[in-house]
Amino acid sequence: MDSVLLLLTLLAVVKTVLTDSLLPRRWQGLSFGLLCAGFVWLCHPYAMEINKLQVENALSEQKALMNISLAVMLDLLLTFGTCWARIVPLRKTRWLRYMPSLLIFPALFYLQINLFFTFAGTSFTAVSVWLAVGIFVILAGGDFAARALLPSDEGRIELTLLTGMLIFALTICCTVFHPSAAVVSHSAPVDWRSMGLALSVVAVLFAAGYFAPRILKKLKKQHN
């Protein structure tokens, strides 16, 4: 479970870098990097009092994973709104362009706790300082690199959405395949109605994923 949480933390950082690259001005990304660095420093006294094993045991419970899935889903909806506001710049949805990734804050707090126990012989203050400096460099440098490697907004928007959906899918898989979710039952007839409903939902989602980018392109062309 620790490896899965660290993977989610890494993906949250990558998604934050991509989200920062969608901001209208580069100084806004630098400001958010400073905000994340300040968040790490402010969480320093609280992170020192928390045991890593207690955090892992608490997060490995299915109820906690369901809460995490809900938070990831809300963040994904905000990501959709941010990308929509970037593609179709309307006055009513302009504020969505400045929405940061909400997952970065719990991800940094969890990473800070892990680093305390990884570098057990190092001062906690030094670890927090290096983490704050490192996250600022990663966000600022990643923003610059993303804009340089992907000059078009469409490419960065696509990667942002894919990363957000990957985080959501990974979280859902951890929740569904949790050991406590396993149910042992006797053989039963196939529920064709439920199977048909599930296939219908998959078909609708597939159609939405296929037609949504094309509709957005048409709307963008009409707006231009």
C-alpha atoms as a PDB file:
ATOM      1  CA  MET A   1       0.000   0.000   0.000  1.00  0.00           C
ATOM      2  CA  ASP A   2       2.902   2.314   0.695  1.00  0.00           C
ATOM      3  CA  SER A   3       4.081   1.966  -2.912  1.00  0.00           C
ATOM      4  CA  VAL A   4       0.609   2.789  -4.235  1.00  0.00           C
ATOM      5  CA  LEU A   5       0.349   5.911  -2.070  1.00  0.00           C
ATOM      6  CA  LEU A   6       3.789   7.059  -3.174  1.00  0.00           C
ATOM      7  CA  LEU A   7       2.786   6.507  -6.805  1.00  0.00           C
ATOM      8  CA  LEU A   8      -0.349   8.591  -6.257  1.00  0.00           C
ATOM      9  CA  THR A   9       1.824  11.280  -4.656  1.00  0.00           C
ATOM     10  CA  LEU A  10       4.163  11.314  -7.660  1.00  0.00           C
ATOM     11  CA  LEU A  11       1.247  11.526 -10.085  1.00  0.00           C
ATOM     12  CA  ALA A  12      -0.265  14.367  -8.050  1.00  0.00           C
ATOM     13  CA  VAL A  13       2.989  16.324  -8.378  1.00  0.00           C
ATOM     14  CA  VAL A  14       3.118  15.675 -12.135  1.00  0.00           C
ATOM     15  CA  LYS A  15      -0.511  16.744 -12.500  1.00  0.00           C
ATOM     16  CA  THR A  16       0.212  19.938 -10.559  1.00  0.00           C
ATOM     17  CA  VAL A  17       3.089  20.760 -12.900  1.00  0.00           C
ATOM     18  CA  LEU A  18       0.817  20.281 -15.914  1.00  0.00           C
ATOM     19  CA  THR A  19      -1.955  22.326 -14.299  1.00  0.00           C
ATOM     20  CA  ASP A  20       0.473  25.165 -13.558  1.00  0.00           C
ATOM     21  CA  SER A  21       1.510  25.192 -17.206  1.00  0.00           C
ATOM     22  CA  LEU A  22      -2.093  26.049 -18.119  1.00  0.00           C
ATOM     23  CA  LEU A  23      -2.050  29.264 -16.090  1.00  0.00           C
ATOM     24  CA  PRO A  24      -2.148  32.430 -18.231  1.00  0.00           C
ATOM     25  CA  ARG A  25       1.039  33.913 -16.711  1.00  0.00           C
ATOM     26  CA  ARG A  26       4.258  32.210 -15.659  1.00  0.00           C
ATOM     27  CA  TRP A  27       4.583  34.277 -12.502  1.00  0.00           C
ATOM     28  CA  GLN A  28       1.339  32.684 -11.321  1.00  0.00           C
ATOM     29  CA  GLY A  29       3.002  29.271 -11.462  1.00  0.00           C
ATOM     30  CA  LEU A  30       5.964  30.634  -9.505  1.00  0.00           C
ATOM     31  CA  SER A  31       3.578  32.041  -6.910  1.00  0.00           C
ATOM     32  CA  PHE A  32       1.875  28.671  -6.525  1.00  0.00           C
ATOM     33  CA  GLY A  33       5.291  27.028  -6.145  1.00  0.00           C
ATOM     34  CA  LEU A  34       6.064  29.442  -3.307  1.00  0.00           C
ATOM     35  CA  LEU A  35       2.676  28.631  -1.776  1.00  0.00           C
ATOM     36  CA  CYS A  36       3.448  24.897  -1.825  1.00  0.00           C
ATOM     37  CA  ALA A  37       6.884  25.526  -0.302  1.00  0.00           C
ATOM     38  CA  GLY A  38       5.268  27.598   2.449  1.00  0.00           C
ATOM     39  CA  PHE A  39       2.717  24.836   3.014  1.00  0.00           C
ATOM     40  CA  VAL A  40       5.520  22.325   3.585  1.00  0.00           C
ATOM     41  CA  TRP A  41       7.160  24.622   6.119  1.00  0.00           C
ATOM     42  CA  LEU A  42       3.888  25.295   7.955  1.00  0.00           C
ATOM     43  CA  CYS A  43       3.150  21.561   8.171  1.00  0.00           C
ATOM     44  CA  HIS A  44       6.586  20.836   9.635  1.00  0.00           C
ATOM     45  CA  PRO A  45       5.552  20.850  13.345  1.00  0.00           C
ATOM     46  CA  TYR A  46       2.478  18.722  12.633  1.00  0.00           C
ATOM     47  CA  ALA A  47       4.324  16.184  10.485  1.00  0.00           C
ATOM     48  CA  MET A  48       6.889  15.591  13.243  1.00  0.00           C
ATOM     49  CA  GLU A  49       4.175  14.428  15.645  1.00  0.00           C
ATOM     50  CA  ILE A  50       2.658  11.845  13.285  1.00  0.00           C
ATOM     51  CA  ASN A  51       3.785   8.239  13.036  1.00  0.00           C
ATOM     52  CA  LYS A  52       4.236   6.894   9.525  1.00  0.00           C
ATOM     53  CA  LEU A  53       2.822   3.461  10.417  1.00  0.00           C
ATOM     54  CA  GLN A  54      -0.317   5.019  11.865  1.00  0.00           C
ATOM     55  CA  VAL A  55      -0.838   7.026   8.692  1.00  0.00           C
ATOM     56  CA  GLU A  56      -0.347   3.976   6.465  1.00  0.00           C
ATOM     57  CA  ASN A  57      -2.704   1.851   8.565  1.00  0.00           C
ATOM     58  CA  ALA A  58      -5.335   4.583   8.527  1.00  0.00           C
ATOM     59  CA  LEU A  59      -5.065   5.148   4.775  1.00  0.00           C
ATOM     60  CA  SER A  60      -5.102   1.418   3.995  1.00  0.00           C
ATOM     61  CA  GLU A  61      -8.646   1.016   5.359  1.00  0.00           C
ATOM     62  CA  GLN A  62     -11.410   0.827   2.791  1.00  0.00           C
ATOM     63  CA  LYS A  63     -13.358   3.717   4.347  1.00  0.00           C
ATOM     64  CA  ALA A  64     -10.310   5.972   4.043  1.00  0.00           C
ATOM     65  CA  LEU A  65      -9.809   4.867   0.442  1.00  0.00           C
ATOM     66  CA  MET A  66     -13.422   5.734  -0.333  1.00  0.00           C
ATOM     67  CA  ASN A  67     -12.875   9.217   1.098  1.00  0.00           C
ATOM     68  CA  ILE A  68      -9.708   9.546  -0.974  1.00  0.00           C
ATOM     69  CA  SER A  69     -11.646   8.451  -4.069  1.00  0.00           C
ATOM     70  CA  LEU A  70     -14.212  11.165  -3.401  1.00  0.00           C
ATOM     71  CA  ALA A  71     -11.485  13.805  -3.052  1.00  0.00           C
ATOM     72  CA  VAL A  72      -9.813  12.604  -6.260  1.00  0.00           C
ATOM     73  CA  MET A  73     -13.152  12.744  -8.088  1.00  0.00           C
ATOM     74  CA  LEU A  74     -13.739  16.338  -6.952  1.00  0.00           C
ATOM     75  CA  ASP A  75     -10.230  17.269  -8.061  1.00  0.00           C
ATOM     76  CA  LEU A  76     -10.860  15.626 -11.433  1.00  0.00           C
ATOM     77  CA  LEU A  77     -14.056  17.653 -11.874  1.00  0.00           C
ATOM     78  CA  LEU A  78     -12.122  20.835 -11.111  1.00  0.00           C
ATOM     79  CA  THR A  79      -9.519  19.749 -13.654  1.00  0.00           C
ATOM     80  CA  PHE A  80     -12.223  19.322 -16.289  1.00  0.00           C
ATOM     81  CA  GLY A  81     -13.478  22.800 -15.439  1.00  0.00           C
ATOM     82  CA  THR A  82      -9.984  24.274 -15.703  1.00  0.00           C
ATOM     83  CA  CYS A  83      -9.391  22.685 -19.097  1.00  0.00           C
ATOM     84  CA  TRP A  84     -12.824  23.747 -20.312  1.00  0.00           C
ATOM     85  CA  ALA A  85     -12.202  27.342 -19.254  1.00  0.00           C
ATOM     86  CA  ARG A  86      -8.864  27.230 -21.062  1.00  0.00           C
ATOM     87  CA  ILE A  87     -10.385  25.899 -24.301  1.00  0.00           C
ATOM     88  CA  VAL A  88     -13.561  27.984 -24.258  1.00  0.00           C
ATOM     89  CA  PRO A  89     -12.693  31.263 -22.497  1.00  0.00           C
ATOM     90  CA  LEU A  90     -15.995  32.566 -21.176  1.00  0.00           C
ATOM     91  CA  ARG A  91     -16.396  35.402 -18.735  1.00  0.00           C
ATOM     92  CA  LYS A  92     -18.454  33.331 -16.281  1.00  0.00           C
ATOM     93  CA  THR A  93     -15.915  30.507 -16.103  1.00  0.00           C
ATOM     94  CA  ARG A  94     -12.753  32.605 -16.209  1.00  0.00           C
ATOM     95  CA  TRP A  95     -12.066  31.955 -12.506  1.00  0.00           C
ATOM     96  CA  LEU A  96     -11.689  28.234 -13.238  1.00  0.00           C
ATOM     97  CA  ARG A  97      -8.475  28.967 -15.137  1.00  0.00           C
ATOM     98  CA  TYR A  98      -6.781  29.843 -11.847  1.00  0.00           C
ATOM     99  CA  MET A  99      -7.880  26.768  -9.880  1.00  0.00           C
ATOM    100  CA  PRO A 100      -4.851  24.813  -8.606  1.00  0.00           C
ATOM    101  CA  SER A 101      -4.654  21.066  -8.153  1.00  0.00           C
ATOM    102  CA  LEU A 102      -6.059  20.291  -4.706  1.00  0.00           C
ATOM    103  CA  LEU A 103      -4.306  16.920  -4.440  1.00  0.00           C
ATOM    104  CA  ILE A 104      -0.866  18.481  -4.125  1.00  0.00           C
ATOM    105  CA  PHE A 105      -1.398  19.573  -0.523  1.00  0.00           C
ATOM    106  CA  PRO A 106      -2.211  16.161   1.047  1.00  0.00           C
ATOM    107  CA  ALA A 107       0.386  14.612  -1.272  1.00  0.00           C
ATOM    108  CA  LEU A 108       3.099  16.941   0.053  1.00  0.00           C
ATOM    109  CA  PHE A 109       2.084  16.261   3.647  1.00  0.00           C
ATOM    110  CA  TYR A 110       2.282  12.492   3.097  1.00  0.00           C
ATOM    111  CA  LEU A 111       5.606  12.844   1.283  1.00  0.00           C
ATOM    112  CA  GLN A 112       6.984  14.934   4.134  1.00  0.00           C
ATOM    113  CA  ILE A 113       6.102  12.231   6.679  1.00  0.00           C
ATOM    114  CA  ASN A 114       7.724   9.563   4.494  1.00  0.00           C
ATOM    115  CA  LEU A 115      10.919  11.570   4.113  1.00  0.00           C
ATOM    116  CA  PHE A 116      11.201  11.993   7.885  1.00  0.00           C
ATOM    117  CA  PHE A 117      11.381   8.223   8.300  1.00  0.00           C
ATOM    118  CA  THR A 118      13.441   7.626   5.156  1.00  0.00           C
ATOM    119  CA  PHE A 119      16.196   9.992   6.333  1.00  0.00           C
ATOM    120  CA  ALA A 120      16.039   8.952   9.959  1.00  0.00           C
ATOM    121  CA  GLY A 121      19.497  10.285  10.831  1.00  0.00           C
ATOM    122  CA  THR A 122      18.861  13.729   9.347  1.00  0.00           C
ATOM    123  CA  SER A 123      17.348  16.694  11.128  1.00  0.00           C
ATOM    124  CA  PHE A 124      13.620  17.029  10.518  1.00  0.00           C
ATOM    125  CA  THR A 125      14.062  20.742   9.915  1.00  0.00           C
ATOM    126  CA  ALA A 126      16.649  20.092   7.204  1.00  0.00           C
ATOM    127  CA  VAL A 127      14.350  17.556   5.531  1.00  0.00           C
ATOM    128  CA  SER A 128      11.462  20.044   5.503  1.00  0.00           C
ATOM    129  CA  VAL A 129      13.682  22.815   4.126  1.00  0.00           C
ATOM    130  CA  TRP A 130      15.024  20.613   1.345  1.00  0.00           C
ATOM    131  CA  LEU A 131      11.515  19.397   0.513  1.00  0.00           C
ATOM    132  CA  ALA A 132      10.225  22.982   0.347  1.00  0.00           C
ATOM    133  CA  VAL A 133      13.096  24.029  -1.909  1.00  0.00           C
ATOM    134  CA  GLY A 134      12.743  20.900  -4.023  1.00  0.00           C
ATOM    135  CA  ILE A 135       9.013  21.277  -4.594  1.00  0.00           C
ATOM    136  CA  PHE A 136       9.477  24.912  -5.603  1.00  0.00           C
ATOM    137  CA  VAL A 137      12.194  23.966  -8.097  1.00  0.00           C
ATOM    138  CA  ILE A 138      10.105  21.089  -9.463  1.00  0.00           C
ATOM    139  CA  LEU A 139       6.970  23.185  -9.933  1.00  0.00           C
ATOM    140  CA  ALA A 140       8.791  26.202 -11.352  1.00  0.00           C
ATOM    141  CA  GLY A 141      11.126  24.179 -13.574  1.00  0.00           C
ATOM    142  CA  GLY A 142       8.375  21.768 -14.581  1.00  0.00           C
ATOM    143  CA  ASP A 143       6.148  24.654 -15.623  1.00  0.00           C
ATOM    144  CA  PHE A 144       8.915  26.060 -17.822  1.00  0.00           C
ATOM    145  CA  ALA A 145       9.734  22.613 -19.270  1.00  0.00           C
ATOM    146  CA  ALA A 146       6.088  21.790 -20.013  1.00  0.00           C
ATOM    147  CA  ARG A 147       5.587  25.072 -21.861  1.00  0.00           C
ATOM    148  CA  ALA A 148       8.825  24.543 -23.813  1.00  0.00           C
ATOM    149  CA  LEU A 149       8.209  20.896 -24.741  1.00  0.00           C
ATOM    150  CA  LEU A 150       4.493  21.342 -25.436  1.00  0.00           C
ATOM    151  CA  PRO A 151       3.967  24.850 -26.834  1.00  0.00           C
ATOM    152  CA  SER A 152       0.336  24.174 -27.762  1.00  0.00           C
ATOM    153  CA  ASP A 153      -2.300  24.394 -25.066  1.00  0.00           C
ATOM    154  CA  GLU A 154      -4.137  21.375 -26.463  1.00  0.00           C
ATOM    155  CA  GLY A 155      -1.209  19.041 -25.798  1.00  0.00           C
ATOM    156  CA  ARG A 156      -0.840  20.181 -22.191  1.00  0.00           C
ATOM    157  CA  ILE A 157      -4.589  19.999 -21.638  1.00  0.00           C
ATOM    158  CA  GLU A 158      -4.694  16.446 -22.965  1.00  0.00           C
ATOM    159  CA  LEU A 159      -1.836  15.330 -20.697  1.00  0.00           C
ATOM    160  CA  THR A 160      -3.456  17.035 -17.714  1.00  0.00           C
ATOM    161  CA  LEU A 161      -6.736  15.218 -18.280  1.00  0.00           C
ATOM    162  CA  LEU A 162      -5.021  11.880 -18.840  1.00  0.00           C
ATOM    163  CA  THR A 163      -2.996  12.249 -15.639  1.00  0.00           C
ATOM    164  CA  GLY A 164      -6.104  13.182 -13.659  1.00  0.00           C
ATOM    165  CA  MET A 165      -8.031  10.199 -15.010  1.00  0.00           C
ATOM    166  CA  LEU A 166      -5.073   7.900 -14.289  1.00  0.00           C
ATOM    167  CA  ILE A 167      -5.031   9.046 -10.656  1.00  0.00           C
ATOM    168  CA  PHE A 168      -8.780   8.507 -10.418  1.00  0.00           C
ATOM    169  CA  ALA A 169      -8.610   5.037 -12.005  1.00  0.00           C
ATOM    170  CA  LEU A 170      -5.757   3.966  -9.726  1.00  0.00           C
ATOM    171  CA  THR A 171      -7.635   5.154  -6.641  1.00  0.00           C
ATOM    172  CA  ILE A 172     -10.814   3.362  -7.697  1.00  0.00           C
ATOM    173  CA  CYS A 173      -8.877   0.143  -8.326  1.00  0.00           C
ATOM    174  CA  CYS A 174      -7.325   0.329  -4.851  1.00  0.00           C
ATOM    175  CA  THR A 175     -10.788   0.764  -3.354  1.00  0.00           C
ATOM    176  CA  VAL A 176     -12.536  -1.938  -5.377  1.00  0.00           C
ATOM    177  CA  PHE A 177      -9.797  -4.549  -5.001  1.00  0.00           C
ATOM    178  CA  HIS A 178      -9.269  -3.873  -1.298  1.00  0.00           C
ATOM    179  CA  PRO A 179      -9.074  -7.167   0.678  1.00  0.00           C
ATOM    180  CA  SER A 180     -12.030  -6.182   2.864  1.00  0.00           C
ATOM    181  CA  ALA A 181     -14.163  -5.704  -0.243  1.00  0.00           C
ATOM    182  CA  ALA A 182     -13.883  -9.376  -1.196  1.00  0.00           C
ATOM    183  CA  VAL A 183     -17.154 -11.269  -0.768  1.00  0.00           C
ATOM    184  CA  VAL A 184     -17.275 -15.063  -0.789  1.00  0.00           C
ATOM    185  CA  SER A 185     -20.643 -16.385  -1.891  1.00  0.00           C
ATOM    186  CA  HIS A 186     -22.211 -19.476  -3.391  1.00  0.00           C
ATOM    187  CA  SER A 187     -22.703 -19.850  -7.097  1.00  0.00           C
ATOM    188  CA  ALA A 188     -25.571 -17.768  -8.431  1.00  0.00           C
ATOM    189  CA  PRO A 189     -27.123 -17.204 -11.855  1.00  0.00           C
ATOM    190  CA  VAL A 190     -25.715 -14.470 -14.029  1.00  0.00           C
ATOM    191  CA  ASP A 191     -27.377 -11.107 -13.481  1.00  0.00           C
ATOM    192  CA  TRP A 192     -27.791 -10.125 -17.106  1.00  0.00           C
ATOM    193  CA  ARG A 193     -29.598  -6.921 -16.207  1.00  0.00           C
ATOM    194  CA  SER A 194     -26.707  -5.619 -14.116  1.00  0.00           C
ATOM    195  CA  MET A 195     -24.233  -6.743 -16.753  1.00  0.00           C
ATOM    196  CA  GLY A 196     -26.159  -4.897 -19.439  1.00  0.00           C
ATOM    197  CA  LEU A 197     -26.306  -1.788 -17.272  1.00  0.00           C
ATOM    198  CA  ALA A 198     -22.549  -1.935 -16.690  1.00  0.00           C
ATOM    199  CA  LEU A 199     -21.866  -2.366 -20.399  1.00  0.00           C
ATOM    200  CA  SER A 200     -24.190   0.548 -21.159  1.00  0.00           C
ATOM    201  CA  VAL A 201     -22.307   2.782 -18.732  1.00  0.00           C
ATOM    202  CA  VAL A 202     -18.994   1.763 -20.312  1.00  0.00           C
ATOM    203  CA  ALA A 203     -20.381   2.470 -23.786  1.00  0.00           C
ATOM    204  CA  VAL A 204     -21.643   5.902 -22.730  1.00  0.00           C
ATOM    205  CA  LEU A 205     -18.295   6.788 -21.158  1.00  0.00           C
ATOM    206  CA  PHE A 206     -16.446   5.570 -24.244  1.00  0.00           C
ATOM    207  CA  ALA A 207     -18.704   7.638 -26.498  1.00  0.00           C
ATOM    208  CA  ALA A 208     -18.229  10.685 -24.270  1.00  0.00           C
ATOM    209  CA  GLY A 209     -14.457  10.283 -24.371  1.00  0.00           C
ATOM    210  CA  TYR A 210     -14.523   9.865 -28.149  1.00  0.00           C
ATOM    211  CA  PHE A 211     -16.868  12.708 -29.073  1.00  0.00           C
ATOM    212  CA  ALA A 212     -16.023  15.251 -26.343  1.00  0.00           C
ATOM    213  CA  PRO A 213     -12.654  16.360 -27.848  1.00  0.00           C
ATOM    214  CA  ARG A 214     -14.223  16.773 -31.276  1.00  0.00           C
ATOM    215  CA  ILE A 215     -17.108  18.819 -29.893  1.00  0.00           C
ATOM    216  CA  LEU A 216     -14.665  21.001 -27.970  1.00  0.00           C
ATOM    217  CA  LYS A 217     -12.645  21.623 -31.137  1.00  0.00           C
ATOM    218  CA  LYS A 218     -15.778  22.660 -33.017  1.00  0.00           C
ATOM    219  CA  LEU A 219     -16.795  24.999 -30.204  1.00  0.00           C
ATOM    220  CA  LYS A 220     -13.324  26.506 -30.168  1.00  0.00           C
ATOM    221  CA  LYS A 221     -13.402  27.072 -33.932  1.00  0.00           C
ATOM    222  CA  GLN A 222     -16.825  28.696 -33.695  1.00  0.00           C
ATOM    223  CA  HIS A 223     -15.639  30.930 -30.870  1.00  0.00           C
ATOM    224  CA  ASN A 224     -12.567  32.007 -32.834  1.00  0.00           C
END
